[in-house]
Amino acid sequence: MRRGLAVGGEWAGLSARACEGVFAVPAPSRDRSAGRATRPEKRPAGPVRWVPKVDYAVRMVDRTASSARDDATLPRVLAALSDPTRIGIVRTLADGAEHGWGSLRVPVAKSTLSHHMKVLREAGLTRVRGEGTRCYVTLRIDEMEERFPGLLPSLLAAAAAEGVGTHVGMAAEG
């Protein structure tokens, strides 16, 4: 079967692990005669067995700001910021606004982007909010400044001076 998050029969392109609190629950099984799309299970030989496509219901939960202080330890934050792509994502989100994942332009596969976002979220650097089938992300600037004073401004200044993370950006609007 295809990997990823299926919502109402459509593939959102994000893994279920990418958003905190995502629960994927299989819909009730349906009869093949009901017109559900099916496809063969891969087998080397013998008769073909048909497997029905599964629909999922999705519920996304926003993490509370109080948990950011508990999650954010210095080793976790520094480990999350050890990758140039993640530094680029933090530089892009540093404007303080909430951005949809679809507007991020990162030259990596969607599964890799999901991994990077998960690492940033688990380190306490970002907050992910789900709305329907879309995920929105914000940088926890205030919480990070409270927990580690001066860390983010120093990091952003050093990254800008060395050109780290310039390959990450936002989609052009319009």
N, C-alpha and C. Protein backbone atom coordinates (compact mmCIF):
# COMPACT_ATOMS: atom_id res chain seq x y z
N MET A 1 0.83 -1.18 0.00
CA MET A 1 0.00 0.00 0.00
C MET A 1 0.88 1.24 0.00
N ARG A 2 0.34 2.35 -0.47
CA ARG A 2 1.08 3.60 -0.47
C ARG A 2 1.27 4.08 0.96
N ARG A 3 2.41 4.72 1.18
CA ARG A 3 2.66 5.28 2.50
C ARG A 3 2.30 6.75 2.48
N GLY A 4 1.87 7.24 3.62
CA GLY A 4 1.50 8.63 3.72
C GLY A 4 0.19 8.74 4.45
N LEU A 5 -0.36 9.91 4.48
CA LEU A 5 -1.58 10.17 5.21
C LEU A 5 -2.72 10.28 4.22
N ALA A 6 -3.68 9.37 4.31
CA ALA A 6 -4.83 9.40 3.41
C ALA A 6 -5.97 10.11 4.10
N VAL A 7 -6.54 11.08 3.44
CA VAL A 7 -7.65 11.84 4.01
C VAL A 7 -8.77 11.81 2.99
N GLY A 8 -9.86 11.16 3.34
CA GLY A 8 -10.99 11.09 2.43
C GLY A 8 -10.64 10.49 1.09
N GLY A 9 -9.70 9.57 1.06
CA GLY A 9 -9.31 8.93 -0.19
C GLY A 9 -8.24 9.69 -0.96
N GLU A 10 -7.87 10.90 -0.52
CA GLU A 10 -6.83 11.68 -1.19
C GLU A 10 -5.55 11.62 -0.37
N TRP A 11 -4.41 11.60 -1.03
CA TRP A 11 -3.13 11.52 -0.34
C TRP A 11 -2.62 12.92 -0.10
N ALA A 12 -2.41 13.27 1.15
CA ALA A 12 -1.96 14.60 1.51
C ALA A 12 -0.46 14.77 1.31
N GLY A 13 0.27 13.68 1.18
CA GLY A 13 1.70 13.77 0.93
C GLY A 13 2.53 13.94 2.19
N LEU A 14 1.92 13.95 3.34
CA LEU A 14 2.65 14.09 4.60
C LEU A 14 2.49 12.81 5.39
N SER A 15 3.51 12.45 6.12
CA SER A 15 3.40 11.25 6.93
C SER A 15 2.57 11.55 8.17
N ALA A 16 1.96 10.52 8.72
CA ALA A 16 1.11 10.69 9.90
C ALA A 16 1.93 11.14 11.09
N ARG A 17 3.24 10.82 11.11
CA ARG A 17 4.08 11.22 12.22
C ARG A 17 4.46 12.68 12.15
N ALA A 18 4.22 13.35 11.05
CA ALA A 18 4.69 14.72 10.88
C ALA A 18 3.98 15.70 11.79
N CYS A 19 2.71 15.49 12.06
CA CYS A 19 1.94 16.39 12.91
C CYS A 19 1.75 15.74 14.27
N GLU A 20 1.97 16.51 15.31
CA GLU A 20 1.78 15.99 16.66
C GLU A 20 0.31 15.70 16.88
N GLY A 21 0.01 14.58 17.46
CA GLY A 21 -1.36 14.25 17.81
C GLY A 21 -2.21 13.80 16.65
N VAL A 22 -1.61 13.34 15.57
CA VAL A 22 -2.40 12.86 14.44
C VAL A 22 -2.78 11.41 14.70
N PHE A 23 -4.05 11.14 14.59
CA PHE A 23 -4.53 9.78 14.78
C PHE A 23 -5.18 9.33 13.48
N ALA A 24 -4.67 8.29 12.87
CA ALA A 24 -5.25 7.75 11.65
C ALA A 24 -6.06 6.52 12.03
N VAL A 25 -7.34 6.56 11.74
CA VAL A 25 -8.25 5.48 12.11
C VAL A 25 -8.87 4.92 10.84
N PRO A 26 -8.75 3.61 10.59
CA PRO A 26 -9.36 3.05 9.38
C PRO A 26 -10.88 3.20 9.41
N ALA A 27 -11.42 3.53 8.26
CA ALA A 27 -12.87 3.63 8.12
C ALA A 27 -13.45 2.22 8.11
N PRO A 28 -14.75 2.07 8.30
CA PRO A 28 -15.35 0.73 8.25
C PRO A 28 -15.07 0.09 6.89
N SER A 29 -14.86 -1.23 6.90
CA SER A 29 -14.55 -1.91 5.65
C SER A 29 -15.75 -1.83 4.72
N ARG A 30 -15.45 -1.77 3.43
CA ARG A 30 -16.51 -1.65 2.43
C ARG A 30 -16.42 -2.80 1.44
N ASP A 31 -17.54 -3.11 0.88
CA ASP A 31 -17.65 -4.20 -0.07
C ASP A 31 -17.06 -3.77 -1.40
N ARG A 32 -16.38 -4.70 -2.10
CA ARG A 32 -15.84 -4.38 -3.42
C ARG A 32 -16.95 -4.01 -4.39
N SER A 33 -18.14 -4.54 -4.18
CA SER A 33 -19.24 -4.23 -5.10
C SER A 33 -19.72 -2.79 -4.92
N ALA A 34 -19.28 -2.10 -3.86
CA ALA A 34 -19.68 -0.71 -3.62
C ALA A 34 -18.88 0.26 -4.48
N GLY A 35 -17.97 -0.24 -5.28
CA GLY A 35 -17.23 0.61 -6.19
C GLY A 35 -15.94 1.16 -5.62
N ARG A 36 -15.47 0.61 -4.53
CA ARG A 36 -14.22 1.06 -3.93
C ARG A 36 -13.06 0.67 -4.83
N ALA A 37 -12.08 1.55 -4.95
CA ALA A 37 -10.90 1.24 -5.74
C ALA A 37 -10.10 0.15 -5.05
N THR A 38 -9.65 -0.79 -5.82
CA THR A 38 -8.85 -1.88 -5.27
C THR A 38 -7.61 -2.04 -6.12
N ARG A 39 -6.64 -2.71 -5.56
CA ARG A 39 -5.44 -3.01 -6.34
C ARG A 39 -4.82 -4.29 -5.82
N PRO A 40 -4.06 -4.95 -6.66
CA PRO A 40 -3.52 -6.26 -6.25
C PRO A 40 -2.41 -6.10 -5.23
N GLU A 41 -2.34 -7.08 -4.35
CA GLU A 41 -1.22 -7.16 -3.43
C GLU A 41 -0.06 -7.76 -4.21
N LYS A 42 1.15 -7.26 -3.97
CA LYS A 42 2.30 -7.75 -4.74
C LYS A 42 2.66 -9.16 -4.27
N ARG A 43 2.61 -10.10 -5.22
CA ARG A 43 2.97 -11.49 -4.95
C ARG A 43 3.78 -11.98 -6.14
N PRO A 44 4.78 -12.81 -5.88
CA PRO A 44 5.61 -13.28 -6.98
C PRO A 44 4.90 -14.25 -7.92
N ALA A 45 4.00 -15.09 -7.38
CA ALA A 45 3.33 -16.07 -8.24
C ALA A 45 2.01 -16.47 -7.59
N GLY A 46 1.18 -17.15 -8.35
CA GLY A 46 -0.07 -17.64 -7.79
C GLY A 46 -1.22 -16.68 -8.08
N PRO A 47 -2.39 -17.00 -7.56
CA PRO A 47 -3.56 -16.16 -7.83
C PRO A 47 -3.42 -14.78 -7.17
N VAL A 48 -4.04 -13.80 -7.78
CA VAL A 48 -3.98 -12.42 -7.29
C VAL A 48 -5.07 -12.22 -6.25
N ARG A 49 -4.71 -11.65 -5.12
CA ARG A 49 -5.69 -11.33 -4.09
C ARG A 49 -5.89 -9.82 -4.08
N TRP A 50 -7.13 -9.37 -4.10
CA TRP A 50 -7.43 -7.95 -4.15
C TRP A 50 -7.59 -7.40 -2.75
N VAL A 51 -6.98 -6.23 -2.52
CA VAL A 51 -7.03 -5.60 -1.20
C VAL A 51 -7.75 -4.26 -1.35
N PRO A 52 -8.80 -4.01 -0.56
CA PRO A 52 -9.51 -2.74 -0.69
C PRO A 52 -8.68 -1.57 -0.17
N LYS A 53 -8.86 -0.40 -0.79
CA LYS A 53 -8.21 0.82 -0.35
C LYS A 53 -8.85 1.26 0.96
N VAL A 54 -8.06 1.80 1.88
CA VAL A 54 -8.56 2.19 3.19
C VAL A 54 -8.66 3.72 3.26
N ASP A 55 -9.79 4.23 3.73
CA ASP A 55 -9.94 5.66 3.99
C ASP A 55 -9.60 5.92 5.45
N TYR A 56 -9.17 7.11 5.75
CA TYR A 56 -8.79 7.46 7.11
C TYR A 56 -9.53 8.71 7.57
N ALA A 57 -9.82 8.76 8.86
CA ALA A 57 -10.33 9.97 9.49
C ALA A 57 -9.17 10.56 10.27
N VAL A 58 -9.00 11.87 10.21
CA VAL A 58 -7.84 12.50 10.83
C VAL A 58 -8.29 13.52 11.86
N ARG A 59 -7.63 13.50 13.01
CA ARG A 59 -7.84 14.51 14.03
C ARG A 59 -6.47 15.02 14.46
N MET A 60 -6.26 16.33 14.37
CA MET A 60 -4.98 16.90 14.74
C MET A 60 -5.16 17.74 16.00
N VAL A 61 -4.19 17.65 16.90
CA VAL A 61 -4.27 18.34 18.17
C VAL A 61 -3.10 19.30 18.28
N ASP A 62 -3.38 20.54 18.70
CA ASP A 62 -2.34 21.53 18.91
C ASP A 62 -1.68 21.26 20.26
N ARG A 63 -0.36 21.31 20.29
CA ARG A 63 0.34 21.13 21.55
C ARG A 63 0.28 22.43 22.33
N THR A 64 0.23 22.34 23.63
CA THR A 64 0.15 23.54 24.45
C THR A 64 1.52 24.18 24.57
N ALA A 65 1.53 25.50 24.79
CA ALA A 65 2.78 26.23 24.91
C ALA A 65 3.55 25.82 26.15
N SER A 66 2.85 25.36 27.19
CA SER A 66 3.55 24.98 28.41
C SER A 66 4.43 23.76 28.21
N SER A 67 4.09 22.90 27.25
CA SER A 67 4.91 21.71 27.03
C SER A 67 6.22 22.04 26.33
N ALA A 68 6.33 23.23 25.71
CA ALA A 68 7.56 23.61 25.03
C ALA A 68 8.70 23.74 26.02
N ARG A 69 8.43 24.27 27.20
CA ARG A 69 9.47 24.41 28.22
C ARG A 69 9.96 23.04 28.67
N ASP A 70 9.06 22.08 28.75
CA ASP A 70 9.45 20.74 29.16
C ASP A 70 10.24 20.02 28.08
N ASP A 71 9.87 20.23 26.82
CA ASP A 71 10.51 19.54 25.69
C ASP A 71 11.87 20.12 25.37
N ALA A 72 12.03 21.43 25.55
CA ALA A 72 13.22 22.12 25.08
C ALA A 72 14.37 21.97 26.07
N THR A 73 15.27 21.08 25.76
CA THR A 73 16.52 20.98 26.50
C THR A 73 17.63 21.42 25.56
N LEU A 74 18.71 21.94 26.10
CA LEU A 74 19.77 22.47 25.25
C LEU A 74 20.34 21.42 24.29
N PRO A 75 20.62 20.19 24.74
CA PRO A 75 21.12 19.20 23.77
C PRO A 75 20.13 18.91 22.64
N ARG A 76 18.83 18.85 22.97
CA ARG A 76 17.83 18.59 21.92
C ARG A 76 17.76 19.73 20.92
N VAL A 77 17.77 20.98 21.43
CA VAL A 77 17.68 22.13 20.54
C VAL A 77 18.91 22.21 19.65
N LEU A 78 20.09 22.03 20.23
CA LEU A 78 21.32 22.09 19.43
C LEU A 78 21.39 20.94 18.42
N ALA A 79 20.91 19.76 18.81
CA ALA A 79 20.89 18.64 17.87
C ALA A 79 19.93 18.93 16.71
N ALA A 80 18.79 19.54 17.03
CA ALA A 80 17.82 19.88 15.97
C ALA A 80 18.38 20.92 15.03
N LEU A 81 19.23 21.80 15.54
CA LEU A 81 19.80 22.87 14.71
C LEU A 81 21.13 22.47 14.08
N SER A 82 21.46 21.19 14.09
CA SER A 82 22.73 20.74 13.53
C SER A 82 22.66 20.47 12.03
N ASP A 83 21.48 20.60 11.43
CA ASP A 83 21.31 20.33 10.01
C ASP A 83 21.07 21.64 9.26
N PRO A 84 21.75 21.89 8.14
CA PRO A 84 21.56 23.14 7.39
C PRO A 84 20.13 23.35 6.90
N THR A 85 19.44 22.28 6.55
CA THR A 85 18.05 22.42 6.11
C THR A 85 17.16 22.87 7.26
N ARG A 86 17.36 22.32 8.44
CA ARG A 86 16.56 22.75 9.59
C ARG A 86 16.89 24.18 9.98
N ILE A 87 18.14 24.58 9.86
CA ILE A 87 18.49 25.99 10.12
C ILE A 87 17.78 26.88 9.11
N GLY A 88 17.72 26.45 7.85
CA GLY A 88 17.00 27.22 6.83
C GLY A 88 15.52 27.33 7.14
N ILE A 89 14.92 26.25 7.64
CA ILE A 89 13.51 26.29 8.02
C ILE A 89 13.31 27.27 9.17
N VAL A 90 14.20 27.24 10.16
CA VAL A 90 14.10 28.18 11.29
C VAL A 90 14.27 29.61 10.79
N ARG A 91 15.22 29.84 9.88
CA ARG A 91 15.39 31.20 9.32
C ARG A 91 14.14 31.66 8.60
N THR A 92 13.50 30.76 7.88
CA THR A 92 12.28 31.11 7.14
C THR A 92 11.13 31.40 8.09
N LEU A 93 11.04 30.66 9.18
CA LEU A 93 9.94 30.85 10.13
C LEU A 93 10.21 31.96 11.14
N ALA A 94 11.39 32.57 11.10
CA ALA A 94 11.78 33.55 12.11
C ALA A 94 10.98 34.84 12.05
N ASP A 95 10.15 35.02 11.01
CA ASP A 95 9.33 36.24 10.95
C ASP A 95 8.19 36.23 11.96
N GLY A 96 7.97 35.09 12.62
CA GLY A 96 6.96 35.00 13.66
C GLY A 96 5.57 34.66 13.18
N ALA A 97 5.36 34.64 11.87
CA ALA A 97 4.04 34.34 11.32
C ALA A 97 3.84 32.83 11.21
N GLU A 98 2.58 32.45 11.11
CA GLU A 98 2.23 31.05 10.91
C GLU A 98 2.25 30.76 9.41
N HIS A 99 2.94 29.69 9.03
CA HIS A 99 3.06 29.35 7.62
C HIS A 99 2.54 27.94 7.37
N GLY A 100 1.87 27.75 6.25
CA GLY A 100 1.44 26.42 5.84
C GLY A 100 2.62 25.65 5.27
N TRP A 101 2.61 24.34 5.47
CA TRP A 101 3.71 23.53 4.96
C TRP A 101 3.81 23.61 3.45
N GLY A 102 2.69 23.80 2.78
CA GLY A 102 2.70 23.88 1.33
C GLY A 102 3.43 25.10 0.81
N SER A 103 3.57 26.13 1.64
CA SER A 103 4.25 27.34 1.20
C SER A 103 5.76 27.28 1.42
N LEU A 104 6.24 26.28 2.16
CA LEU A 104 7.68 26.11 2.35
C LEU A 104 8.30 25.51 1.09
N ARG A 105 9.39 26.08 0.64
CA ARG A 105 10.11 25.54 -0.51
C ARG A 105 11.45 25.02 -0.03
N VAL A 106 11.53 23.71 0.07
CA VAL A 106 12.72 23.03 0.55
C VAL A 106 13.08 21.97 -0.49
N PRO A 107 14.34 21.94 -0.96
CA PRO A 107 14.71 20.99 -2.00
C PRO A 107 14.95 19.57 -1.47
N VAL A 108 13.95 19.03 -0.77
CA VAL A 108 14.02 17.65 -0.27
C VAL A 108 12.67 17.00 -0.53
N ALA A 109 12.62 15.69 -0.40
CA ALA A 109 11.37 14.94 -0.57
C ALA A 109 10.42 15.30 0.57
N LYS A 110 9.13 15.09 0.34
CA LYS A 110 8.13 15.40 1.37
C LYS A 110 8.35 14.59 2.64
N SER A 111 8.78 13.35 2.49
CA SER A 111 9.03 12.54 3.67
C SER A 111 10.21 13.09 4.47
N THR A 112 11.22 13.60 3.78
CA THR A 112 12.36 14.20 4.46
C THR A 112 11.96 15.50 5.14
N LEU A 113 11.11 16.30 4.48
CA LEU A 113 10.60 17.52 5.11
C LEU A 113 9.80 17.18 6.36
N SER A 114 8.99 16.14 6.28
CA SER A 114 8.23 15.70 7.46
C SER A 114 9.17 15.32 8.60
N HIS A 115 10.26 14.65 8.27
CA HIS A 115 11.23 14.28 9.30
C HIS A 115 11.86 15.52 9.93
N HIS A 116 12.28 16.48 9.10
CA HIS A 116 12.89 17.71 9.62
C HIS A 116 11.90 18.46 10.52
N MET A 117 10.64 18.54 10.10
CA MET A 117 9.64 19.24 10.90
C MET A 117 9.39 18.51 12.22
N LYS A 118 9.43 17.20 12.19
CA LYS A 118 9.25 16.41 13.41
C LYS A 118 10.40 16.66 14.39
N VAL A 119 11.61 16.70 13.89
CA VAL A 119 12.77 16.95 14.75
C VAL A 119 12.67 18.33 15.40
N LEU A 120 12.30 19.34 14.60
CA LEU A 120 12.14 20.69 15.15
C LEU A 120 11.02 20.75 16.18
N ARG A 121 9.92 20.06 15.89
CA ARG A 121 8.78 20.05 16.82
C ARG A 121 9.13 19.35 18.11
N GLU A 122 9.77 18.18 18.02
CA GLU A 122 10.12 17.43 19.21
C GLU A 122 11.18 18.12 20.06
N ALA A 123 12.00 18.98 19.44
CA ALA A 123 12.98 19.74 20.19
C ALA A 123 12.35 20.95 20.88
N GLY A 124 11.10 21.23 20.55
CA GLY A 124 10.40 22.36 21.15
C GLY A 124 10.59 23.66 20.41
N LEU A 125 11.16 23.63 19.21
CA LEU A 125 11.40 24.85 18.45
C LEU A 125 10.18 25.34 17.68
N THR A 126 9.31 24.43 17.27
CA THR A 126 8.14 24.82 16.48
C THR A 126 6.86 24.30 17.09
N ARG A 127 5.77 24.91 16.68
CA ARG A 127 4.42 24.46 17.05
C ARG A 127 3.71 24.14 15.73
N VAL A 128 3.10 22.98 15.67
CA VAL A 128 2.36 22.55 14.48
C VAL A 128 0.89 22.53 14.82
N ARG A 129 0.09 23.13 13.95
CA ARG A 129 -1.36 23.16 14.13
C ARG A 129 -2.01 22.59 12.88
N GLY A 130 -2.93 21.67 13.07
CA GLY A 130 -3.64 21.10 11.94
C GLY A 130 -5.00 21.74 11.79
N GLU A 131 -5.38 21.96 10.55
CA GLU A 131 -6.70 22.49 10.23
C GLU A 131 -7.19 21.74 9.00
N GLY A 132 -8.11 20.82 9.21
CA GLY A 132 -8.55 19.98 8.10
C GLY A 132 -7.41 19.09 7.65
N THR A 133 -7.07 19.19 6.37
CA THR A 133 -5.98 18.37 5.83
C THR A 133 -4.67 19.15 5.75
N ARG A 134 -4.65 20.36 6.27
CA ARG A 134 -3.46 21.20 6.17
C ARG A 134 -2.77 21.33 7.52
N CYS A 135 -1.46 21.48 7.47
CA CYS A 135 -0.67 21.69 8.68
C CYS A 135 -0.04 23.08 8.60
N TYR A 136 -0.07 23.77 9.73
CA TYR A 136 0.53 25.09 9.83
C TYR A 136 1.59 25.05 10.91
N VAL A 137 2.69 25.76 10.68
CA VAL A 137 3.81 25.71 11.62
C VAL A 137 4.23 27.13 11.99
N THR A 138 4.59 27.32 13.26
CA THR A 138 5.13 28.58 13.73
C THR A 138 6.38 28.29 14.56
N LEU A 139 7.27 29.24 14.58
CA LEU A 139 8.47 29.14 15.40
C LEU A 139 8.13 29.66 16.79
N ARG A 140 8.54 28.96 17.81
CA ARG A 140 8.27 29.34 19.20
C ARG A 140 9.33 30.34 19.66
N ILE A 141 9.29 31.52 19.11
CA ILE A 141 10.32 32.52 19.38
C ILE A 141 10.31 32.93 20.85
N ASP A 142 9.14 33.29 21.37
CA ASP A 142 9.05 33.77 22.75
C ASP A 142 9.45 32.69 23.76
N GLU A 143 8.97 31.46 23.54
CA GLU A 143 9.31 30.38 24.47
C GLU A 143 10.81 30.07 24.44
N MET A 144 11.41 30.11 23.25
CA MET A 144 12.85 29.85 23.14
C MET A 144 13.66 30.97 23.77
N GLU A 145 13.21 32.20 23.58
CA GLU A 145 13.92 33.35 24.16
C GLU A 145 13.84 33.31 25.69
N GLU A 146 12.71 32.86 26.21
CA GLU A 146 12.55 32.74 27.65
C GLU A 146 13.43 31.63 28.21
N ARG A 147 13.48 30.52 27.51
CA ARG A 147 14.24 29.35 27.98
C ARG A 147 15.74 29.50 27.75
N PHE A 148 16.11 29.98 26.55
CA PHE A 148 17.52 30.14 26.16
C PHE A 148 17.72 31.55 25.63
N PRO A 149 17.91 32.54 26.50
CA PRO A 149 18.03 33.94 26.06
C PRO A 149 19.19 34.14 25.07
N GLY A 150 18.87 34.75 23.94
CA GLY A 150 19.88 35.09 22.94
C GLY A 150 20.27 33.99 21.99
N LEU A 151 19.78 32.77 22.19
CA LEU A 151 20.19 31.65 21.34
C LEU A 151 19.71 31.84 19.90
N LEU A 152 18.42 32.07 19.69
CA LEU A 152 17.89 32.19 18.33
C LEU A 152 18.45 33.41 17.60
N PRO A 153 18.49 34.61 18.23
CA PRO A 153 19.09 35.74 17.49
C PRO A 153 20.55 35.50 17.10
N SER A 154 21.32 34.88 17.99
CA SER A 154 22.73 34.57 17.67
C SER A 154 22.82 33.56 16.54
N LEU A 155 21.98 32.55 16.60
CA LEU A 155 21.97 31.52 15.56
C LEU A 155 21.60 32.12 14.21
N LEU A 156 20.55 32.94 14.19
CA LEU A 156 20.09 33.53 12.93
C LEU A 156 21.14 34.47 12.36
N ALA A 157 21.81 35.24 13.21
CA ALA A 157 22.86 36.15 12.74
C ALA A 157 24.04 35.36 12.16
N ALA A 158 24.46 34.30 12.85
CA ALA A 158 25.58 33.49 12.36
C ALA A 158 25.21 32.77 11.06
N ALA A 159 23.98 32.27 10.98
CA ALA A 159 23.54 31.57 9.76
C ALA A 159 23.48 32.54 8.58
N ALA A 160 23.01 33.76 8.82
CA ALA A 160 22.96 34.76 7.75
C ALA A 160 24.38 35.15 7.30
N ALA A 161 25.30 35.29 8.25
CA ALA A 161 26.67 35.68 7.91
C ALA A 161 27.38 34.60 7.10
N GLU A 162 27.09 33.34 7.41
CA GLU A 162 27.75 32.24 6.70
C GLU A 162 26.95 31.70 5.53
N GLY A 163 25.73 32.18 5.35
CA GLY A 163 24.89 31.74 4.23
C GLY A 163 24.32 30.34 4.42
N VAL A 164 24.16 29.92 5.67
CA VAL A 164 23.62 28.59 5.95
C VAL A 164 22.10 28.63 5.83
N GLY A 165 21.53 27.69 5.12
CA GLY A 165 20.09 27.57 5.00
C GLY A 165 19.46 28.46 3.95
N THR A 166 20.26 29.01 3.06
CA THR A 166 19.70 29.90 2.03
C THR A 166 18.91 29.13 0.98
N HIS A 167 19.05 27.81 0.93
CA HIS A 167 18.32 27.00 -0.04
C HIS A 167 16.86 26.79 0.35
N VAL A 168 16.46 27.23 1.55
CA VAL A 168 15.09 27.09 2.02
C VAL A 168 14.42 28.44 1.92
N GLY A 169 13.15 28.44 1.49
CA GLY A 169 12.43 29.71 1.37
C GLY A 169 10.93 29.47 1.36
N MET A 170 10.22 30.54 1.03
CA MET A 170 8.76 30.50 0.94
C MET A 170 8.37 30.59 -0.53
N ALA A 171 7.21 30.03 -0.85
CA ALA A 171 6.68 30.09 -2.19
C ALA A 171 6.29 31.53 -2.51
N ALA A 172 6.48 31.93 -3.75
CA ALA A 172 6.09 33.27 -4.18
C ALA A 172 4.57 33.36 -4.20
N GLU A 173 4.04 34.43 -3.62
CA GLU A 173 2.59 34.59 -3.59
C GLU A 173 2.12 35.24 -4.88
N GLY A 174 0.92 34.90 -5.24
CA GLY A 174 0.35 35.59 -6.39
C GLY A 174 -0.06 34.71 -7.44
